[in-house]
């Protein structure tokens, strides 16, 4: 008898835990839905802001930047060689994150990912970016660190806007 009572107690506890887990899962689903709505609203506002700053139609800018979640990917790059394409892609990525997501400091791996997705060699990535410091971008972090970030200077922002205008012609 004693074993049966213990089993019943355990079963009751398990049922209570199942109810709690279902409630928590429901809260998580609601939280994710709210976060997604906030993201969509913020990225739309960001696209409008960058369109206003560059005087380019928002629809044309959406053809340059692919937004997926909180990640931005460049769809088009200009340049005569990999060095110029890497520089231009970095500037455009930094500009996109700044205005679309409101983020100034971007991890180097995000820029590198976008460059790789555009089939541009990443062999001399750090060297190329170091050549445009401090005129176009500012680097923060230790060499070869995974937490190294970059941000645009005023001159870099102006250059990135010009590149965006050129791409949207």
N, C-alpha and C. Protein backbone atom coordinates (compact mmCIF):
# COMPACT_ATOMS: atom_id res chain seq x y z
N UNK A 1 0.82 -1.20 0.00
CA UNK A 1 0.00 0.00 0.00
C UNK A 1 0.86 1.26 0.00
N UNK A 2 1.91 1.20 0.79
CA UNK A 2 2.76 2.37 0.94
C UNK A 2 3.39 2.75 -0.41
N UNK A 3 3.76 1.76 -1.20
CA UNK A 3 4.37 2.01 -2.51
C UNK A 3 3.35 2.66 -3.44
N UNK A 4 2.12 2.21 -3.42
CA UNK A 4 1.06 2.78 -4.25
C UNK A 4 0.83 4.25 -3.90
N UNK A 5 0.85 4.58 -2.64
CA UNK A 5 0.68 5.97 -2.21
C UNK A 5 1.83 6.84 -2.71
N UNK A 6 3.04 6.31 -2.63
CA UNK A 6 4.22 7.04 -3.11
C UNK A 6 4.12 7.28 -4.62
N UNK A 7 3.71 6.27 -5.35
CA UNK A 7 3.56 6.39 -6.80
C UNK A 7 2.51 7.44 -7.14
N UNK A 8 1.41 7.45 -6.40
CA UNK A 8 0.35 8.43 -6.63
C UNK A 8 0.87 9.85 -6.36
N UNK A 9 1.65 10.02 -5.31
CA UNK A 9 2.22 11.33 -4.99
C UNK A 9 3.15 11.80 -6.11
N UNK A 10 3.97 10.88 -6.58
CA UNK A 10 4.90 11.21 -7.67
C UNK A 10 4.14 11.58 -8.94
N UNK A 11 3.09 10.80 -9.25
CA UNK A 11 2.28 11.10 -10.43
C UNK A 11 1.62 12.48 -10.32
N UNK A 12 1.13 12.80 -9.14
CA UNK A 12 0.50 14.11 -8.93
C UNK A 12 1.51 15.23 -9.13
N UNK A 13 2.72 15.06 -8.58
CA UNK A 13 3.79 16.06 -8.75
C UNK A 13 4.13 16.23 -10.22
N UNK A 14 4.23 15.11 -10.95
CA UNK A 14 4.54 15.17 -12.38
C UNK A 14 3.46 15.92 -13.15
N UNK A 15 2.21 15.68 -12.82
CA UNK A 15 1.11 16.39 -13.46
C UNK A 15 1.19 17.89 -13.19
N UNK A 16 1.52 18.25 -11.95
CA UNK A 16 1.68 19.66 -11.60
C UNK A 16 2.83 20.29 -12.40
N UNK A 17 3.92 19.56 -12.55
CA UNK A 17 5.07 20.05 -13.31
C UNK A 17 4.69 20.22 -14.79
N UNK A 18 3.93 19.27 -15.32
CA UNK A 18 3.49 19.38 -16.71
C UNK A 18 2.66 20.65 -16.93
N UNK A 19 1.78 20.95 -16.01
CA UNK A 19 0.95 22.16 -16.11
C UNK A 19 1.84 23.40 -16.08
N UNK A 20 2.81 23.42 -15.17
CA UNK A 20 3.72 24.57 -15.06
C UNK A 20 4.55 24.74 -16.34
N UNK A 21 5.03 23.63 -16.88
CA UNK A 21 5.83 23.68 -18.10
C UNK A 21 5.00 24.22 -19.26
N UNK A 22 3.76 23.78 -19.39
CA UNK A 22 2.89 24.27 -20.45
C UNK A 22 2.63 25.77 -20.31
N UNK A 23 2.46 26.24 -19.09
CA UNK A 23 2.27 27.67 -18.85
C UNK A 23 3.52 28.47 -19.25
N UNK A 24 4.69 27.95 -18.88
CA UNK A 24 5.94 28.62 -19.23
C UNK A 24 6.17 28.63 -20.74
N UNK A 25 5.85 27.53 -21.40
CA UNK A 25 5.99 27.47 -22.86
C UNK A 25 5.07 28.48 -23.53
N UNK A 26 3.89 28.66 -23.00
CA UNK A 26 2.94 29.63 -23.54
C UNK A 26 3.50 31.05 -23.39
N UNK A 27 4.07 31.32 -22.22
CA UNK A 27 4.68 32.64 -21.98
C UNK A 27 5.83 32.88 -22.95
N UNK A 28 6.66 31.87 -23.19
CA UNK A 28 7.78 32.00 -24.12
C UNK A 28 7.29 32.28 -25.54
N UNK A 29 6.24 31.59 -25.98
CA UNK A 29 5.69 31.82 -27.33
C UNK A 29 5.19 33.25 -27.45
N UNK A 30 4.51 33.73 -26.44
CA UNK A 30 3.99 35.11 -26.45
C UNK A 30 5.16 36.09 -26.48
N UNK A 31 6.17 35.83 -25.67
CA UNK A 31 7.35 36.69 -25.61
C UNK A 31 8.05 36.77 -26.97
N UNK A 32 8.22 35.63 -27.64
CA UNK A 32 8.86 35.61 -28.96
C UNK A 32 8.03 36.37 -29.97
N UNK A 33 6.71 36.23 -29.91
CA UNK A 33 5.84 36.95 -30.84
C UNK A 33 5.95 38.46 -30.64
N UNK A 34 5.97 38.90 -29.39
CA UNK A 34 6.10 40.32 -29.09
C UNK A 34 7.45 40.84 -29.58
N UNK A 35 8.52 40.07 -29.32
CA UNK A 35 9.86 40.48 -29.75
C UNK A 35 9.90 40.60 -31.27
N UNK A 36 9.29 39.67 -31.99
CA UNK A 36 9.28 39.71 -33.45
C UNK A 36 8.55 40.94 -33.95
N UNK A 37 7.43 41.30 -33.30
CA UNK A 37 6.70 42.50 -33.70
C UNK A 37 7.54 43.75 -33.47
N UNK A 38 8.24 43.80 -32.35
CA UNK A 38 9.11 44.94 -32.05
C UNK A 38 10.22 45.03 -33.08
N UNK A 39 10.82 43.90 -33.43
CA UNK A 39 11.90 43.87 -34.42
C UNK A 39 11.40 44.40 -35.76
N UNK A 40 10.25 43.91 -36.22
CA UNK A 40 9.71 44.35 -37.50
C UNK A 40 9.46 45.84 -37.48
N UNK A 41 8.88 46.36 -36.40
CA UNK A 41 8.62 47.79 -36.29
C UNK A 41 9.93 48.58 -36.32
N UNK A 42 10.93 48.14 -35.55
CA UNK A 42 12.21 48.85 -35.50
C UNK A 42 12.93 48.82 -36.84
N UNK A 43 12.92 47.67 -37.52
CA UNK A 43 13.62 47.60 -38.80
C UNK A 43 12.90 48.44 -39.85
N UNK A 44 11.59 48.49 -39.80
CA UNK A 44 10.85 49.35 -40.73
C UNK A 44 11.18 50.82 -40.49
N UNK A 45 11.22 51.21 -39.21
CA UNK A 45 11.60 52.59 -38.88
C UNK A 45 13.02 52.87 -39.32
N UNK A 46 13.90 51.89 -39.14
CA UNK A 46 15.30 52.03 -39.54
C UNK A 46 15.44 52.19 -41.05
N UNK A 47 14.67 51.39 -41.81
CA UNK A 47 14.70 51.51 -43.27
C UNK A 47 14.21 52.89 -43.71
N UNK A 48 13.18 53.37 -43.04
CA UNK A 48 12.68 54.72 -43.37
C UNK A 48 13.72 55.78 -43.04
N UNK A 49 14.42 55.59 -41.94
CA UNK A 49 15.44 56.55 -41.51
C UNK A 49 16.60 56.60 -42.51
N UNK A 50 17.07 55.43 -42.94
CA UNK A 50 18.18 55.39 -43.89
C UNK A 50 17.72 55.93 -45.26
N UNK A 51 16.47 55.67 -45.61
CA UNK A 51 15.93 56.21 -46.86
C UNK A 51 15.88 57.73 -46.81
N UNK A 52 15.47 58.26 -45.68
CA UNK A 52 15.41 59.71 -45.50
C UNK A 52 16.80 60.34 -45.56
N UNK A 53 17.77 59.71 -44.89
CA UNK A 53 19.14 60.24 -44.84
C UNK A 53 19.81 60.24 -46.20
N UNK A 54 19.50 59.25 -47.03
CA UNK A 54 20.15 59.13 -48.33
C UNK A 54 19.28 59.60 -49.50
N UNK A 55 18.02 59.90 -49.20
CA UNK A 55 17.05 60.31 -50.22
C UNK A 55 16.86 59.25 -51.30
N UNK A 56 16.83 58.01 -50.83
CA UNK A 56 16.61 56.86 -51.70
C UNK A 56 15.30 56.21 -51.27
N UNK A 57 14.55 55.70 -52.23
CA UNK A 57 13.29 55.02 -51.91
C UNK A 57 13.57 53.79 -51.05
N UNK A 58 12.73 53.60 -50.05
CA UNK A 58 12.88 52.47 -49.12
C UNK A 58 12.90 51.14 -49.87
N UNK A 59 12.13 51.02 -50.92
CA UNK A 59 12.05 49.79 -51.70
C UNK A 59 13.40 49.47 -52.34
N UNK A 60 14.14 50.50 -52.79
CA UNK A 60 15.45 50.27 -53.39
C UNK A 60 16.46 49.82 -52.33
N UNK A 61 16.35 50.38 -51.15
CA UNK A 61 17.26 50.00 -50.06
C UNK A 61 17.01 48.56 -49.66
N UNK A 62 15.76 48.12 -49.69
CA UNK A 62 15.43 46.73 -49.36
C UNK A 62 16.01 45.76 -50.38
N UNK A 63 16.39 46.25 -51.55
CA UNK A 63 17.02 45.40 -52.56
C UNK A 63 18.53 45.26 -52.30
N UNK A 64 19.07 46.09 -51.40
CA UNK A 64 20.49 46.05 -51.05
C UNK A 64 20.71 45.26 -49.77
N UNK A 65 19.80 45.42 -48.81
CA UNK A 65 19.93 44.77 -47.51
C UNK A 65 18.86 43.70 -47.33
N UNK A 66 19.29 42.51 -46.93
CA UNK A 66 18.37 41.44 -46.56
C UNK A 66 18.32 41.40 -45.04
N UNK A 67 17.14 41.55 -44.47
CA UNK A 67 16.98 41.55 -43.03
C UNK A 67 16.31 40.26 -42.61
N UNK A 68 16.98 39.53 -41.74
CA UNK A 68 16.44 38.28 -41.24
C UNK A 68 16.67 38.23 -39.75
N UNK A 69 15.60 38.34 -38.99
CA UNK A 69 15.74 38.43 -37.54
C UNK A 69 16.47 39.70 -37.19
N UNK A 70 17.51 39.58 -36.40
CA UNK A 70 18.31 40.75 -36.04
C UNK A 70 19.62 40.75 -36.81
N UNK A 71 19.61 40.14 -37.99
CA UNK A 71 20.81 40.01 -38.79
C UNK A 71 20.60 40.67 -40.15
N UNK A 72 21.64 41.37 -40.58
CA UNK A 72 21.60 42.08 -41.85
C UNK A 72 22.60 41.43 -42.79
N UNK A 73 22.20 41.22 -44.03
CA UNK A 73 23.09 40.68 -45.04
C UNK A 73 23.04 41.59 -46.25
N UNK A 74 24.20 41.88 -46.77
CA UNK A 74 24.32 42.72 -47.95
C UNK A 74 24.05 41.87 -49.18
N UNK A 75 23.19 42.35 -50.08
CA UNK A 75 22.85 41.58 -51.27
C UNK A 75 23.65 41.98 -52.49
N UNK A 76 24.25 43.16 -52.45
CA UNK A 76 24.97 43.67 -53.60
C UNK A 76 26.18 44.48 -53.14
N UNK A 77 27.29 44.35 -53.86
CA UNK A 77 28.52 45.06 -53.52
C UNK A 77 29.13 45.61 -54.81
N UNK A 78 29.76 46.77 -54.71
CA UNK A 78 30.47 47.35 -55.86
C UNK A 78 31.96 47.39 -55.56
N UNK A 79 32.76 47.34 -56.62
CA UNK A 79 34.21 47.42 -56.48
C UNK A 79 34.89 46.69 -57.62
N UNK A 80 36.10 47.15 -57.94
CA UNK A 80 36.82 46.56 -59.08
C UNK A 80 37.58 45.29 -58.70
N UNK A 81 37.94 45.15 -57.42
CA UNK A 81 38.67 43.96 -56.97
C UNK A 81 38.22 43.61 -55.55
N UNK A 82 38.75 42.51 -55.02
CA UNK A 82 38.34 42.05 -53.69
C UNK A 82 38.66 43.06 -52.59
N UNK A 83 39.75 43.79 -52.74
CA UNK A 83 40.11 44.78 -51.72
C UNK A 83 39.06 45.88 -51.66
N UNK A 84 38.71 46.41 -52.81
CA UNK A 84 37.71 47.48 -52.85
C UNK A 84 36.32 46.96 -52.45
N UNK A 85 35.99 45.76 -52.86
CA UNK A 85 34.70 45.17 -52.50
C UNK A 85 34.61 44.94 -50.99
N UNK A 86 35.71 44.48 -50.39
CA UNK A 86 35.73 44.25 -48.94
C UNK A 86 35.53 45.56 -48.19
N UNK A 87 36.24 46.60 -48.59
CA UNK A 87 36.10 47.92 -47.97
C UNK A 87 34.67 48.43 -48.11
N UNK A 88 34.15 48.37 -49.32
CA UNK A 88 32.80 48.88 -49.58
C UNK A 88 31.74 48.08 -48.83
N UNK A 89 31.90 46.76 -48.80
CA UNK A 89 30.94 45.92 -48.09
C UNK A 89 30.95 46.23 -46.60
N UNK A 90 32.14 46.41 -46.03
CA UNK A 90 32.24 46.72 -44.60
C UNK A 90 31.54 48.04 -44.29
N UNK A 91 31.75 49.04 -45.13
CA UNK A 91 31.12 50.34 -44.91
C UNK A 91 29.60 50.23 -45.01
N UNK A 92 29.11 49.50 -46.00
CA UNK A 92 27.66 49.35 -46.18
C UNK A 92 27.02 48.55 -45.04
N UNK A 93 27.71 47.52 -44.57
CA UNK A 93 27.19 46.73 -43.45
C UNK A 93 27.11 47.59 -42.20
N UNK A 94 28.16 48.34 -41.93
CA UNK A 94 28.17 49.21 -40.75
C UNK A 94 27.07 50.27 -40.83
N UNK A 95 26.87 50.82 -42.03
CA UNK A 95 25.80 51.82 -42.22
C UNK A 95 24.44 51.19 -41.99
N UNK A 96 24.23 49.99 -42.53
CA UNK A 96 22.95 49.30 -42.37
C UNK A 96 22.64 49.01 -40.91
N UNK A 97 23.59 48.47 -40.19
CA UNK A 97 23.37 48.17 -38.78
C UNK A 97 23.12 49.46 -37.98
N UNK A 98 23.81 50.52 -38.34
CA UNK A 98 23.65 51.77 -37.60
C UNK A 98 22.23 52.32 -37.73
N UNK A 99 21.73 52.36 -38.95
CA UNK A 99 20.42 52.98 -39.15
C UNK A 99 19.25 52.01 -39.02
N UNK A 100 19.40 50.80 -39.49
CA UNK A 100 18.28 49.87 -39.47
C UNK A 100 18.06 49.29 -38.08
N UNK A 101 19.15 48.94 -37.38
CA UNK A 101 19.02 48.33 -36.05
C UNK A 101 19.47 49.24 -34.92
N UNK A 102 20.02 50.40 -35.25
CA UNK A 102 20.48 51.32 -34.21
C UNK A 102 21.72 50.84 -33.48
N UNK A 103 22.54 50.02 -34.13
CA UNK A 103 23.76 49.48 -33.52
C UNK A 103 24.97 50.12 -34.18
N UNK A 104 25.83 50.76 -33.38
CA UNK A 104 27.03 51.40 -33.92
C UNK A 104 28.21 50.45 -33.99
N UNK A 105 28.44 49.67 -32.95
CA UNK A 105 29.60 48.78 -32.89
C UNK A 105 29.20 47.38 -33.34
N UNK A 106 29.82 46.92 -34.44
CA UNK A 106 29.46 45.64 -35.03
C UNK A 106 30.65 44.69 -34.95
N UNK A 107 30.39 43.48 -34.54
CA UNK A 107 31.44 42.47 -34.45
C UNK A 107 32.05 42.20 -35.82
N UNK A 108 33.35 41.99 -35.83
CA UNK A 108 34.05 41.74 -37.09
C UNK A 108 33.52 40.49 -37.79
N UNK A 109 33.07 39.50 -37.01
CA UNK A 109 32.56 38.27 -37.63
C UNK A 109 31.29 38.52 -38.44
N UNK A 110 30.50 39.52 -38.06
CA UNK A 110 29.30 39.87 -38.83
C UNK A 110 29.68 40.45 -40.18
N UNK A 111 30.67 41.32 -40.18
CA UNK A 111 31.13 41.91 -41.44
C UNK A 111 31.75 40.82 -42.30
N UNK A 112 32.58 39.98 -41.70
CA UNK A 112 33.24 38.89 -42.42
C UNK A 112 32.20 37.94 -43.03
N UNK A 113 31.14 37.63 -42.28
CA UNK A 113 30.08 36.73 -42.78
C UNK A 113 29.44 37.29 -44.04
N UNK A 114 29.12 38.57 -44.01
CA UNK A 114 28.49 39.20 -45.17
C UNK A 114 29.44 39.21 -46.37
N UNK A 115 30.71 39.47 -46.12
CA UNK A 115 31.69 39.48 -47.21
C UNK A 115 31.79 38.07 -47.81
N UNK A 116 31.85 37.07 -46.99
CA UNK A 116 31.93 35.69 -47.48
C UNK A 116 30.67 35.31 -48.26
N UNK A 117 29.51 35.74 -47.80
CA UNK A 117 28.26 35.42 -48.50
C UNK A 117 28.19 36.08 -49.87
N UNK A 118 28.95 37.14 -50.07
CA UNK A 118 29.00 37.81 -51.37
C UNK A 118 30.16 37.27 -52.22
N UNK A 119 30.71 36.15 -51.82
CA UNK A 119 31.78 35.45 -52.55
C UNK A 119 33.01 36.33 -52.75
N UNK A 120 33.33 37.09 -51.72
CA UNK A 120 34.53 37.90 -51.71
C UNK A 120 35.52 37.21 -50.78
N UNK A 121 36.76 37.11 -51.21
CA UNK A 121 37.77 36.44 -50.39
C UNK A 121 37.94 37.16 -49.05
N UNK A 122 38.02 36.37 -47.99
CA UNK A 122 38.23 36.94 -46.65
C UNK A 122 39.67 36.74 -46.17
N UNK A 123 40.56 36.37 -47.10
CA UNK A 123 41.96 36.10 -46.73
C UNK A 123 42.64 37.29 -46.05
N UNK A 124 42.48 38.47 -46.58
CA UNK A 124 43.15 39.65 -46.04
C UNK A 124 42.15 40.61 -45.39
N UNK A 125 41.10 40.06 -44.85
CA UNK A 125 40.01 40.86 -44.27
C UNK A 125 40.52 41.90 -43.26
N UNK A 126 41.26 41.46 -42.25
CA UNK A 126 41.73 42.37 -41.20
C UNK A 126 42.69 43.41 -41.75
N UNK A 127 43.56 43.02 -42.65
CA UNK A 127 44.53 43.95 -43.25
C UNK A 127 43.81 45.04 -44.03
N UNK A 128 42.82 44.64 -44.80
CA UNK A 128 42.06 45.61 -45.61
C UNK A 128 41.34 46.60 -44.70
N UNK A 129 40.71 46.10 -43.64
CA UNK A 129 40.01 47.00 -42.72
C UNK A 129 41.00 47.89 -41.97
N UNK A 130 42.17 47.34 -41.62
CA UNK A 130 43.17 48.16 -40.93
C UNK A 130 43.64 49.32 -41.80
N UNK A 131 43.60 49.15 -43.12
CA UNK A 131 44.01 50.22 -44.04
C UNK A 131 43.02 51.37 -44.10
N UNK A 132 41.79 51.16 -43.65
CA UNK A 132 40.81 52.26 -43.68
C UNK A 132 40.53 52.81 -42.28
N UNK A 133 41.37 52.40 -41.32
CA UNK A 133 41.31 52.95 -39.96
C UNK A 133 42.31 54.08 -39.92
N UNK A 134 42.08 55.19 -39.36
CA UNK A 134 40.90 55.72 -38.69
C UNK A 134 40.05 56.62 -39.58
N UNK A 135 40.37 56.67 -40.88
CA UNK A 135 39.63 57.60 -41.74
C UNK A 135 38.16 57.22 -41.91
N UNK A 136 37.88 55.93 -42.14
CA UNK A 136 36.50 55.51 -42.40
C UNK A 136 35.86 54.73 -41.25
N UNK A 137 36.67 53.96 -40.53
CA UNK A 137 36.13 53.16 -39.43
C UNK A 137 37.05 53.23 -38.22
N UNK A 138 36.48 52.88 -37.07
CA UNK A 138 37.23 52.81 -35.82
C UNK A 138 37.14 51.38 -35.32
N UNK A 139 38.29 50.83 -34.93
CA UNK A 139 38.35 49.46 -34.43
C UNK A 139 38.44 49.50 -32.92
N UNK A 140 37.71 48.58 -32.28
CA UNK A 140 37.75 48.48 -30.82
C UNK A 140 37.96 47.01 -30.48
N UNK A 141 39.03 46.73 -29.75
CA UNK A 141 39.31 45.36 -29.36
C UNK A 141 40.75 44.98 -29.64
N UNK A 142 41.14 43.87 -29.09
CA UNK A 142 42.50 43.38 -29.26
C UNK A 142 42.65 42.65 -30.59
N UNK A 143 43.88 42.64 -31.13
CA UNK A 143 44.10 41.90 -32.38
C UNK A 143 43.71 40.43 -32.24
N UNK A 144 43.08 39.89 -33.27
CA UNK A 144 42.66 38.48 -33.35
C UNK A 144 41.63 38.08 -32.29
N UNK A 145 41.00 39.06 -31.66
CA UNK A 145 39.97 38.77 -30.67
C UNK A 145 38.65 38.53 -31.38
N UNK A 146 37.83 37.63 -30.84
CA UNK A 146 36.51 37.38 -31.41
C UNK A 146 35.53 38.49 -31.06
N UNK A 147 35.93 39.35 -30.14
CA UNK A 147 35.05 40.44 -29.70
C UNK A 147 35.43 41.78 -30.31
N UNK A 148 36.28 41.79 -31.32
CA UNK A 148 36.67 43.02 -31.99
C UNK A 148 35.45 43.59 -32.71
N UNK A 149 35.22 44.89 -32.52
CA UNK A 149 34.10 45.56 -33.18
C UNK A 149 34.61 46.72 -34.02
N UNK A 150 33.78 47.12 -34.97
CA UNK A 150 34.07 48.26 -35.82
C UNK A 150 32.87 49.19 -35.81
N UNK A 151 33.15 50.47 -36.00
CA UNK A 151 32.07 51.44 -36.16
C UNK A 151 32.52 52.49 -37.17
N UNK A 152 31.54 53.15 -37.77
CA UNK A 152 31.82 54.16 -38.78
C UNK A 152 32.28 55.48 -38.15
N UNK A 153 33.18 56.16 -38.85
CA UNK A 153 33.49 57.55 -38.51
C UNK A 153 32.53 58.41 -39.32
N UNK A 154 32.55 59.73 -39.12
CA UNK A 154 31.68 60.60 -39.91
C UNK A 154 32.02 60.51 -41.40
N UNK A 155 33.31 60.47 -41.68
CA UNK A 155 33.75 60.35 -43.07
C UNK A 155 33.34 58.99 -43.64
N UNK A 156 33.46 57.94 -42.84
CA UNK A 156 33.06 56.61 -43.28
C UNK A 156 31.57 56.53 -43.56
N UNK A 157 30.79 57.19 -42.72
CA UNK A 157 29.34 57.22 -42.93
C UNK A 157 28.99 57.93 -44.23
N UNK A 158 29.66 59.05 -44.49
CA UNK A 158 29.42 59.79 -45.74
C UNK A 158 29.79 58.92 -46.95
N UNK A 159 30.92 58.21 -46.85
CA UNK A 159 31.36 57.33 -47.93
C UNK A 159 30.36 56.19 -48.14
N UNK A 160 29.86 55.61 -47.05
CA UNK A 160 28.89 54.52 -47.13
C UNK A 160 27.59 55.00 -47.77
N UNK A 161 27.16 56.18 -47.43
CA UNK A 161 25.94 56.74 -48.04
C UNK A 161 26.13 56.92 -49.53
N UNK A 162 27.30 57.40 -49.95
CA UNK A 162 27.59 57.54 -51.38
C UNK A 162 27.56 56.19 -52.09
N UNK A 163 28.13 55.18 -51.45
CA UNK A 163 28.11 53.82 -52.02
C UNK A 163 26.68 53.31 -52.17
N UNK A 164 25.86 53.56 -51.15
CA UNK A 164 24.47 53.12 -51.19
C UNK A 164 23.72 53.81 -52.31
N UNK A 165 23.96 55.10 -52.46
CA UNK A 165 23.33 55.86 -53.55
C UNK A 165 23.76 55.27 -54.90
N UNK A 166 25.04 54.96 -55.04
CA UNK A 166 25.56 54.39 -56.28
C UNK A 166 24.91 53.03 -56.57
N UNK A 167 24.77 52.21 -55.54
CA UNK A 167 24.14 50.89 -55.72
C UNK A 167 22.67 50.98 -56.10
N UNK A 168 22.01 52.02 -55.66
CA UNK A 168 20.56 52.13 -55.87
C UNK A 168 20.20 52.87 -57.16
N UNK A 169 21.18 53.25 -57.94
CA UNK A 169 20.89 53.96 -59.21
C UNK A 169 20.18 53.06 -60.18
